Amino acid sequence: MTEQARAGRTGAGEAVIERAARLLAAFTADHRQLSLAELSRRSGIPRSSALRLARKLVDVGALERRSDGAFVVGLRLLEVATLAPRGHGLRAVAMPYMEDLFAVTRQHVLLAVRDGDDALLVERLSAHGAMPVQYRVGGRLPLTSTGVGLVLLAHAPADVQERTIEEFVPSADTEIRSPAELRRTLAEVRRGGFARGRQSEPWSVSTVAAPVRAPDGAVVAALSVVVPTGGPDLGTYVHVVQTTALAVTRELNYSSVAADRTPT
């Protein structure tokens, strides 16, 4: 067996697992089922190779194939995803406190973690009469124009912050208008222990977010309330959001200590 074959690489020098990741990444909230042609086009993998790889993913449950031939994401991925400590594990700890916050505010309550240059939403609770939003569990939110994003960015590594500030381009629907203003905002988030945000499109909403911390003090998540702009003053939400985030932090730390003490 050649060294290339032992490494599990294709003739083009790309690892099979990398191609599988590209194939899975072709699915999005707007593209939940894909024909073979669409799968090939969106992943950039030749049709014959895409078919062979898709069949292997079907065999292990990562994909499923419908009667019409279209591919969809398989339940095996959901099963594995629930084991992610920064996703389902964090959600399980935070959910009782999020439900309390939801009961008090009757709005949208979000829990997010930073994943690269985005905030990844791991849970959302929403009242029936709450303002419409486009957030979905598993969806990505910008770090520079959402409350959870600003909290996560303010406590991200320095190199991530500097790169994001340098590359910042203001959008029409956000209040921050320049890299210098973004830098000041992040400093205010660190000093105050919370972030405020506002978006005007597609709906006018405002948000308050606060950090959730690990036992070592590192910020591991952000918790927020999203409300219609023009309602009660955002200041009325600051204390309750901070208090809830602190309760999640304490429970997360307690759970971590308890796990460390559990006999193996």
C-alpha atoms as a PDB file:
ATOM      1  CA  MET A   1       0.000   0.000   0.000  1.00  0.00           C
ATOM      2  CA  THR A   2       1.370   3.411  -0.936  1.00  0.00           C
ATOM      3  CA  GLU A   3       1.830   6.174   1.622  1.00  0.00           C
ATOM      4  CA  GLN A   4      -0.958   8.126  -0.109  1.00  0.00           C
ATOM      5  CA  ALA A   5      -3.353   5.204   0.196  1.00  0.00           C
ATOM      6  CA  ARG A   6      -2.443   4.652   3.857  1.00  0.00           C
ATOM      7  CA  ALA A   7      -3.296   8.325   4.512  1.00  0.00           C
ATOM      8  CA  GLY A   8      -6.743   7.710   3.008  1.00  0.00           C
ATOM      9  CA  ARG A   9      -6.329  10.294   0.286  1.00  0.00           C
ATOM     10  CA  THR A  10      -7.901  10.638  -3.122  1.00  0.00           C
ATOM     11  CA  GLY A  11      -5.990  10.999  -6.335  1.00  0.00           C
ATOM     12  CA  ALA A  12      -6.277  14.770  -6.029  1.00  0.00           C
ATOM     13  CA  GLY A  13      -4.470  14.619  -2.681  1.00  0.00           C
ATOM     14  CA  GLU A  14      -7.527  15.433  -0.553  1.00  0.00           C
ATOM     15  CA  ALA A  15      -8.311  13.210   2.430  1.00  0.00           C
ATOM     16  CA  VAL A  16     -11.554  11.231   2.168  1.00  0.00           C
ATOM     17  CA  ILE A  17     -12.709  12.674   5.475  1.00  0.00           C
ATOM     18  CA  GLU A  18     -12.232  16.196   4.089  1.00  0.00           C
ATOM     19  CA  ARG A  19     -14.410  15.338   1.105  1.00  0.00           C
ATOM     20  CA  ALA A  20     -17.029  13.865   3.413  1.00  0.00           C
ATOM     21  CA  ALA A  21     -17.028  17.117   5.390  1.00  0.00           C
ATOM     22  CA  ARG A  22     -17.474  19.090   2.156  1.00  0.00           C
ATOM     23  CA  LEU A  23     -20.369  16.862   1.192  1.00  0.00           C
ATOM     24  CA  LEU A  24     -22.107  17.358   4.543  1.00  0.00           C
ATOM     25  CA  ALA A  25     -21.448  21.106   4.425  1.00  0.00           C
ATOM     26  CA  ALA A  26     -23.502  21.280   1.220  1.00  0.00           C
ATOM     27  CA  PHE A  27     -26.623  21.006   3.384  1.00  0.00           C
ATOM     28  CA  THR A  28     -27.941  24.241   4.886  1.00  0.00           C
ATOM     29  CA  ALA A  29     -31.171  25.528   6.403  1.00  0.00           C
ATOM     30  CA  ASP A  30     -32.254  26.531   2.893  1.00  0.00           C
ATOM     31  CA  HIS A  31     -31.033  23.300   1.289  1.00  0.00           C
ATOM     32  CA  ARG A  32     -32.209  20.474   3.543  1.00  0.00           C
ATOM     33  CA  GLN A  33     -32.517  17.882   0.775  1.00  0.00           C
ATOM     34  CA  LEU A  34     -30.290  17.660  -2.266  1.00  0.00           C
ATOM     35  CA  SER A  35     -30.296  15.641  -5.445  1.00  0.00           C
ATOM     36  CA  LEU A  36     -27.049  14.016  -6.487  1.00  0.00           C
ATOM     37  CA  ALA A  37     -26.481  16.786  -9.050  1.00  0.00           C
ATOM     38  CA  GLU A  38     -27.040  19.466  -6.406  1.00  0.00           C
ATOM     39  CA  LEU A  39     -24.824  17.646  -3.923  1.00  0.00           C
ATOM     40  CA  SER A  40     -22.044  17.478  -6.487  1.00  0.00           C
ATOM     41  CA  ARG A  41     -22.419  21.126  -7.506  1.00  0.00           C
ATOM     42  CA  ARG A  42     -22.644  22.549  -3.995  1.00  0.00           C
ATOM     43  CA  SER A  43     -19.739  20.488  -2.654  1.00  0.00           C
ATOM     44  CA  GLY A  44     -17.539  20.873  -5.723  1.00  0.00           C
ATOM     45  CA  ILE A  45     -17.003  17.099  -5.833  1.00  0.00           C
ATOM     46  CA  PRO A  46     -17.386  15.296  -9.200  1.00  0.00           C
ATOM     47  CA  ARG A  47     -20.699  13.499  -9.534  1.00  0.00           C
ATOM     48  CA  SER A  48     -19.308   9.950  -9.580  1.00  0.00           C
ATOM     49  CA  SER A  49     -17.143  10.595  -6.509  1.00  0.00           C
ATOM     50  CA  ALA A  50     -20.001  12.359  -4.744  1.00  0.00           C
ATOM     51  CA  LEU A  51     -22.254   9.349  -5.330  1.00  0.00           C
ATOM     52  CA  ARG A  52     -19.711   6.859  -3.975  1.00  0.00           C
ATOM     53  CA  LEU A  53     -19.077   8.971  -0.894  1.00  0.00           C
ATOM     54  CA  ALA A  54     -22.772   9.705  -0.328  1.00  0.00           C
ATOM     55  CA  ARG A  55     -23.531   5.964  -0.429  1.00  0.00           C
ATOM     56  CA  LYS A  56     -20.875   5.349   2.222  1.00  0.00           C
ATOM     57  CA  LEU A  57     -22.384   8.089   4.386  1.00  0.00           C
ATOM     58  CA  VAL A  58     -25.814   6.506   3.950  1.00  0.00           C
ATOM     59  CA  ASP A  59     -24.361   3.156   5.066  1.00  0.00           C
ATOM     60  CA  VAL A  60     -23.152   4.663   8.366  1.00  0.00           C
ATOM     61  CA  GLY A  61     -26.300   6.744   8.919  1.00  0.00           C
ATOM     62  CA  ALA A  62     -24.758  10.162   8.344  1.00  0.00           C
ATOM     63  CA  LEU A  63     -27.025  10.644   5.316  1.00  0.00           C
ATOM     64  CA  GLU A  64     -30.369   9.172   4.325  1.00  0.00           C
ATOM     65  CA  ARG A  65     -31.734   8.737   0.808  1.00  0.00           C
ATOM     66  CA  ARG A  66     -35.376   9.365   0.025  1.00  0.00           C
ATOM     67  CA  SER A  67     -37.494   7.355  -2.381  1.00  0.00           C
ATOM     68  CA  ASP A  68     -37.089  10.100  -5.012  1.00  0.00           C
ATOM     69  CA  GLY A  69     -33.305   9.786  -4.814  1.00  0.00           C
ATOM     70  CA  ALA A  70     -32.681  12.994  -2.851  1.00  0.00           C
ATOM     71  CA  PHE A  71     -30.233  12.950   0.053  1.00  0.00           C
ATOM     72  CA  VAL A  72     -30.952  14.376   3.526  1.00  0.00           C
ATOM     73  CA  VAL A  73     -28.923  14.544   6.731  1.00  0.00           C
ATOM     74  CA  GLY A  74     -29.145  11.306   8.720  1.00  0.00           C
ATOM     75  CA  LEU A  75     -30.185  10.822  12.325  1.00  0.00           C
ATOM     76  CA  ARG A  76     -26.766   9.408  13.226  1.00  0.00           C
ATOM     77  CA  LEU A  77     -25.356  12.936  13.013  1.00  0.00           C
ATOM     78  CA  LEU A  78     -27.990  14.160  15.454  1.00  0.00           C
ATOM     79  CA  GLU A  79     -27.168  11.293  17.787  1.00  0.00           C
ATOM     80  CA  VAL A  80     -23.477  12.166  17.759  1.00  0.00           C
ATOM     81  CA  ALA A  81     -24.103  15.928  17.975  1.00  0.00           C
ATOM     82  CA  THR A  82     -25.981  15.530  21.255  1.00  0.00           C
ATOM     83  CA  LEU A  83     -22.685  14.420  22.816  1.00  0.00           C
ATOM     84  CA  ALA A  84     -20.973  17.756  22.094  1.00  0.00           C
ATOM     85  CA  PRO A  85     -20.208  19.359  25.488  1.00  0.00           C
ATOM     86  CA  ARG A  86     -20.331  22.876  24.044  1.00  0.00           C
ATOM     87  CA  GLY A  87     -23.710  22.132  22.500  1.00  0.00           C
ATOM     88  CA  HIS A  88     -26.104  19.691  24.094  1.00  0.00           C
ATOM     89  CA  GLY A  89     -24.131  19.445  27.352  1.00  0.00           C
ATOM     90  CA  LEU A  90     -24.187  23.189  27.847  1.00  0.00           C
ATOM     91  CA  ARG A  91     -27.829  23.322  26.788  1.00  0.00           C
ATOM     92  CA  ALA A  92     -28.814  20.686  29.351  1.00  0.00           C
ATOM     93  CA  VAL A  93     -27.263  22.722  32.161  1.00  0.00           C
ATOM     94  CA  ALA A  94     -28.649  26.055  30.975  1.00  0.00           C
ATOM     95  CA  MET A  95     -32.188  25.022  30.012  1.00  0.00           C
ATOM     96  CA  PRO A  96     -33.890  25.284  33.439  1.00  0.00           C
ATOM     97  CA  TYR A  97     -32.545  28.811  33.882  1.00  0.00           C
ATOM     98  CA  MET A  98     -33.409  29.767  30.320  1.00  0.00           C
ATOM     99  CA  GLU A  99     -36.967  28.605  30.971  1.00  0.00           C
ATOM    100  CA  ASP A 100     -37.127  30.868  34.048  1.00  0.00           C
ATOM    101  CA  LEU A 101     -35.856  33.819  31.988  1.00  0.00           C
ATOM    102  CA  PHE A 102     -38.354  33.003  29.270  1.00  0.00           C
ATOM    103  CA  ALA A 103     -41.207  32.898  31.797  1.00  0.00           C
ATOM    104  CA  VAL A 104     -40.267  36.368  33.036  1.00  0.00           C
ATOM    105  CA  THR A 105     -39.708  38.055  29.659  1.00  0.00           C
ATOM    106  CA  ARG A 106     -42.019  36.113  27.293  1.00  0.00           C
ATOM    107  CA  GLN A 107     -39.660  36.967  24.441  1.00  0.00           C
ATOM    108  CA  HIS A 108     -36.793  35.187  22.667  1.00  0.00           C
ATOM    109  CA  VAL A 109     -34.082  33.680  24.887  1.00  0.00           C
ATOM    110  CA  LEU A 110     -30.886  32.614  23.105  1.00  0.00           C
ATOM    111  CA  LEU A 111     -27.821  30.599  24.127  1.00  0.00           C
ATOM    112  CA  ALA A 112     -24.782  30.692  21.846  1.00  0.00           C
ATOM    113  CA  VAL A 113     -21.117  29.699  21.741  1.00  0.00           C
ATOM    114  CA  ARG A 114     -18.312  31.026  19.558  1.00  0.00           C
ATOM    115  CA  ASP A 115     -17.263  28.807  16.674  1.00  0.00           C
ATOM    116  CA  GLY A 116     -14.507  30.454  14.697  1.00  0.00           C
ATOM    117  CA  ASP A 117     -15.718  33.801  13.399  1.00  0.00           C
ATOM    118  CA  ASP A 118     -19.394  33.199  14.215  1.00  0.00           C
ATOM    119  CA  ALA A 119     -21.694  32.713  17.148  1.00  0.00           C
ATOM    120  CA  LEU A 120     -23.363  29.309  16.940  1.00  0.00           C
ATOM    121  CA  LEU A 121     -26.863  29.119  18.415  1.00  0.00           C
ATOM    122  CA  VAL A 122     -27.243  26.030  20.615  1.00  0.00           C
ATOM    123  CA  GLU A 123     -30.687  26.795  22.057  1.00  0.00           C
ATOM    124  CA  ARG A 124     -33.602  29.179  21.589  1.00  0.00           C
ATOM    125  CA  LEU A 125     -36.867  29.613  23.462  1.00  0.00           C
ATOM    126  CA  SER A 126     -39.554  31.801  21.902  1.00  0.00           C
ATOM    127  CA  ALA A 127     -43.023  32.918  22.953  1.00  0.00           C
ATOM    128  CA  HIS A 128     -45.857  32.546  20.425  1.00  0.00           C
ATOM    129  CA  GLY A 129     -46.437  36.282  20.357  1.00  0.00           C
ATOM    130  CA  ALA A 130     -42.765  37.294  20.245  1.00  0.00           C
ATOM    131  CA  MET A 131     -41.336  39.350  17.401  1.00  0.00           C
ATOM    132  CA  PRO A 132     -40.348  37.200  14.381  1.00  0.00           C
ATOM    133  CA  VAL A 133     -36.617  36.445  14.128  1.00  0.00           C
ATOM    134  CA  GLN A 134     -34.507  34.401  11.740  1.00  0.00           C
ATOM    135  CA  TYR A 135     -32.439  32.676  14.429  1.00  0.00           C
ATOM    136  CA  ARG A 136     -32.510  28.859  14.453  1.00  0.00           C
ATOM    137  CA  VAL A 137     -30.814  26.297  16.647  1.00  0.00           C
ATOM    138  CA  GLY A 138     -27.637  25.260  14.868  1.00  0.00           C
ATOM    139  CA  GLY A 139     -27.598  28.523  12.918  1.00  0.00           C
ATOM    140  CA  ARG A 140     -24.770  31.023  12.861  1.00  0.00           C
ATOM    141  CA  LEU A 141     -24.960  34.649  13.994  1.00  0.00           C
ATOM    142  CA  PRO A 142     -22.486  37.463  13.335  1.00  0.00           C
ATOM    143  CA  LEU A 143     -20.137  38.393  16.160  1.00  0.00           C
ATOM    144  CA  THR A 144     -20.309  42.114  15.440  1.00  0.00           C
ATOM    145  CA  SER A 145     -24.051  42.791  15.235  1.00  0.00           C
ATOM    146  CA  THR A 146     -25.754  40.559  17.798  1.00  0.00           C
ATOM    147  CA  GLY A 147     -25.741  40.704  21.585  1.00  0.00           C
ATOM    148  CA  VAL A 148     -24.431  37.160  22.018  1.00  0.00           C
ATOM    149  CA  GLY A 149     -21.867  37.799  19.299  1.00  0.00           C
ATOM    150  CA  LEU A 150     -20.519  40.945  20.971  1.00  0.00           C
ATOM    151  CA  VAL A 151     -20.168  39.153  24.312  1.00  0.00           C
ATOM    152  CA  LEU A 152     -18.322  36.244  22.709  1.00  0.00           C
ATOM    153  CA  LEU A 153     -16.103  38.518  20.635  1.00  0.00           C
ATOM    154  CA  ALA A 154     -15.277  40.739  23.624  1.00  0.00           C
ATOM    155  CA  HIS A 155     -13.865  37.688  25.412  1.00  0.00           C
ATOM    156  CA  ALA A 156     -12.318  35.963  22.392  1.00  0.00           C
ATOM    157  CA  PRO A 157      -8.531  35.620  22.059  1.00  0.00           C
ATOM    158  CA  ALA A 158      -6.774  38.905  21.256  1.00  0.00           C
ATOM    159  CA  ASP A 159      -5.811  37.806  17.744  1.00  0.00           C
ATOM    160  CA  VAL A 160      -9.446  36.994  16.911  1.00  0.00           C
ATOM    161  CA  GLN A 161     -10.578  40.379  18.208  1.00  0.00           C
ATOM    162  CA  GLU A 162      -7.904  42.306  16.316  1.00  0.00           C
ATOM    163  CA  ARG A 163      -8.562  40.525  13.040  1.00  0.00           C
ATOM    164  CA  THR A 164     -12.321  41.024  13.374  1.00  0.00           C
ATOM    165  CA  ILE A 165     -11.878  44.718  14.165  1.00  0.00           C
ATOM    166  CA  GLU A 166      -9.497  45.238  11.251  1.00  0.00           C
ATOM    167  CA  GLU A 167     -11.840  43.478   8.819  1.00  0.00           C
ATOM    168  CA  PHE A 168     -15.026  45.061  10.176  1.00  0.00           C
ATOM    169  CA  VAL A 169     -17.357  46.536   7.563  1.00  0.00           C
ATOM    170  CA  PRO A 170     -20.542  48.104   8.967  1.00  0.00           C
ATOM    171  CA  SER A 171     -23.875  46.892   7.661  1.00  0.00           C
ATOM    172  CA  ALA A 172     -26.984  48.992   7.171  1.00  0.00           C
ATOM    173  CA  ASP A 173     -28.950  47.321   9.963  1.00  0.00           C
ATOM    174  CA  THR A 174     -26.500  47.716  12.874  1.00  0.00           C
ATOM    175  CA  GLU A 175     -25.531  50.578  15.177  1.00  0.00           C
ATOM    176  CA  ILE A 176     -21.750  50.107  15.141  1.00  0.00           C
ATOM    177  CA  ARG A 177     -20.392  52.176  12.288  1.00  0.00           C
ATOM    178  CA  SER A 178     -16.581  51.855  12.367  1.00  0.00           C
ATOM    179  CA  PRO A 179     -13.713  49.622  13.571  1.00  0.00           C
ATOM    180  CA  ALA A 180     -12.896  52.189  16.273  1.00  0.00           C
ATOM    181  CA  GLU A 181     -16.483  52.103  17.520  1.00  0.00           C
ATOM    182  CA  LEU A 182     -16.418  48.304  17.548  1.00  0.00           C
ATOM    183  CA  ARG A 183     -13.252  48.374  19.658  1.00  0.00           C
ATOM    184  CA  ARG A 184     -14.874  50.776  22.143  1.00  0.00           C
ATOM    185  CA  THR A 185     -18.005  48.643  22.278  1.00  0.00           C
ATOM    186  CA  LEU A 186     -16.032  45.494  23.094  1.00  0.00           C
ATOM    187  CA  ALA A 187     -14.206  47.320  25.895  1.00  0.00           C
ATOM    188  CA  GLU A 188     -17.564  48.472  27.305  1.00  0.00           C
ATOM    189  CA  VAL A 189     -18.868  44.887  27.184  1.00  0.00           C
ATOM    190  CA  ARG A 190     -15.892  43.684  29.232  1.00  0.00           C
ATOM    191  CA  ARG A 191     -16.251  46.520  31.755  1.00  0.00           C
ATOM    192  CA  GLY A 192     -20.011  46.296  32.163  1.00  0.00           C
ATOM    193  CA  GLY A 193     -20.436  42.544  31.974  1.00  0.00           C
ATOM    194  CA  PHE A 194     -23.153  42.722  29.323  1.00  0.00           C
ATOM    195  CA  ALA A 195     -23.795  43.781  25.743  1.00  0.00           C
ATOM    196  CA  ARG A 196     -26.620  45.662  24.103  1.00  0.00           C
ATOM    197  CA  GLY A 197     -27.405  45.349  20.429  1.00  0.00           C
ATOM    198  CA  ARG A 198     -29.958  46.451  17.889  1.00  0.00           C
ATOM    199  CA  GLN A 199     -30.863  45.363  14.378  1.00  0.00           C
ATOM    200  CA  SER A 200     -33.278  47.111  12.034  1.00  0.00           C
ATOM    201  CA  GLU A 201     -33.588  44.420   9.343  1.00  0.00           C
ATOM    202  CA  PRO A 202     -35.510  42.281   8.586  1.00  0.00           C
ATOM    203  CA  TRP A 203     -37.285  43.280  11.820  1.00  0.00           C
ATOM    204  CA  SER A 204     -36.428  45.936  14.349  1.00  0.00           C
ATOM    205  CA  VAL A 205     -35.220  44.077  17.434  1.00  0.00           C
ATOM    206  CA  SER A 206     -33.012  44.881  20.419  1.00  0.00           C
ATOM    207  CA  THR A 207     -31.051  42.553  22.679  1.00  0.00           C
ATOM    208  CA  VAL A 208     -29.239  42.285  25.996  1.00  0.00           C
ATOM    209  CA  ALA A 209     -26.633  39.542  26.434  1.00  0.00           C
ATOM    210  CA  ALA A 210     -24.346  38.389  29.251  1.00  0.00           C
ATOM    211  CA  PRO A 211     -21.471  35.898  29.490  1.00  0.00           C
ATOM    212  CA  VAL A 212     -21.504  32.353  30.861  1.00  0.00           C
ATOM    213  CA  ARG A 213     -18.150  31.342  32.323  1.00  0.00           C
ATOM    214  CA  ALA A 214     -16.209  28.128  32.909  1.00  0.00           C
ATOM    215  CA  PRO A 215     -14.565  27.306  36.270  1.00  0.00           C
ATOM    216  CA  ASP A 216     -11.352  29.019  35.120  1.00  0.00           C
ATOM    217  CA  GLY A 217     -13.250  32.230  34.343  1.00  0.00           C
ATOM    218  CA  ALA A 218     -13.133  31.840  30.569  1.00  0.00           C
ATOM    219  CA  VAL A 219     -16.304  32.841  28.733  1.00  0.00           C
ATOM    220  CA  VAL A 220     -17.742  29.710  27.147  1.00  0.00           C
ATOM    221  CA  ALA A 221     -21.162  30.967  26.059  1.00  0.00           C
ATOM    222  CA  ALA A 222     -23.462  33.976  25.891  1.00  0.00           C
ATOM    223  CA  LEU A 223     -27.079  34.226  26.999  1.00  0.00           C
ATOM    224  CA  SER A 224     -29.454  36.866  25.667  1.00  0.00           C
ATOM    225  CA  VAL A 225     -32.996  38.158  25.444  1.00  0.00           C
ATOM    226  CA  VAL A 226     -34.232  39.541  22.110  1.00  0.00           C
ATOM    227  CA  VAL A 227     -37.168  41.975  22.258  1.00  0.00           C
ATOM    228  CA  PRO A 228     -38.981  44.324  19.873  1.00  0.00           C
ATOM    229  CA  THR A 229     -37.329  47.722  19.600  1.00  0.00           C
ATOM    230  CA  GLY A 230     -39.507  50.408  21.128  1.00  0.00           C
ATOM    231  CA  GLY A 231     -40.784  48.263  24.004  1.00  0.00           C
ATOM    232  CA  PRO A 232     -39.608  48.512  27.615  1.00  0.00           C
ATOM    233  CA  ASP A 233     -36.211  50.130  28.082  1.00  0.00           C
ATOM    234  CA  LEU A 234     -33.392  47.631  27.552  1.00  0.00           C
ATOM    235  CA  GLY A 235     -32.024  48.560  30.954  1.00  0.00           C
ATOM    236  CA  THR A 236     -34.925  46.685  32.552  1.00  0.00           C
ATOM    237  CA  TYR A 237     -33.563  43.441  31.108  1.00  0.00           C
ATOM    238  CA  VAL A 238     -29.903  43.857  32.080  1.00  0.00           C
ATOM    239  CA  HIS A 239     -30.156  42.635  35.670  1.00  0.00           C
ATOM    240  CA  VAL A 240     -32.347  39.618  34.917  1.00  0.00           C
ATOM    241  CA  VAL A 241     -30.141  38.505  32.002  1.00  0.00           C
ATOM    242  CA  GLN A 242     -26.947  38.907  34.046  1.00  0.00           C
ATOM    243  CA  THR A 243     -28.485  37.072  36.994  1.00  0.00           C
ATOM    244  CA  THR A 244     -29.583  34.192  34.760  1.00  0.00           C
ATOM    245  CA  ALA A 245     -26.160  33.957  33.100  1.00  0.00           C
ATOM    246  CA  LEU A 246     -24.542  33.894  36.552  1.00  0.00           C
ATOM    247  CA  ALA A 247     -26.893  31.089  37.640  1.00  0.00           C
ATOM    248  CA  VAL A 248     -25.942  29.072  34.543  1.00  0.00           C
ATOM    249  CA  THR A 249     -22.269  29.737  35.304  1.00  0.00           C
ATOM    250  CA  ARG A 250     -22.638  28.446  38.855  1.00  0.00           C
ATOM    251  CA  GLU A 251     -24.526  25.347  37.739  1.00  0.00           C
ATOM    252  CA  LEU A 252     -22.004  24.695  34.968  1.00  0.00           C
ATOM    253  CA  ASN A 253     -19.141  24.974  37.441  1.00  0.00           C
ATOM    254  CA  TYR A 254     -20.918  22.783  39.991  1.00  0.00           C
ATOM    255  CA  SER A 255     -21.560  20.147  37.335  1.00  0.00           C
ATOM    256  CA  SER A 256     -17.913  20.255  36.332  1.00  0.00           C
ATOM    257  CA  VAL A 257     -16.719  19.804  39.935  1.00  0.00           C
ATOM    258  CA  ALA A 258     -19.209  17.000  40.531  1.00  0.00           C
ATOM    259  CA  ALA A 259     -18.049  15.197  37.397  1.00  0.00           C
ATOM    260  CA  ASP A 260     -14.420  15.484  38.534  1.00  0.00           C
ATOM    261  CA  ARG A 261     -15.339  13.886  41.871  1.00  0.00           C
ATOM    262  CA  THR A 262     -17.288  10.999  40.340  1.00  0.00           C
ATOM    263  CA  PRO A 263     -15.357   7.705  40.776  1.00  0.00           C
ATOM    264  CA  THR A 264     -14.268   6.114  37.530  1.00  0.00           C
END
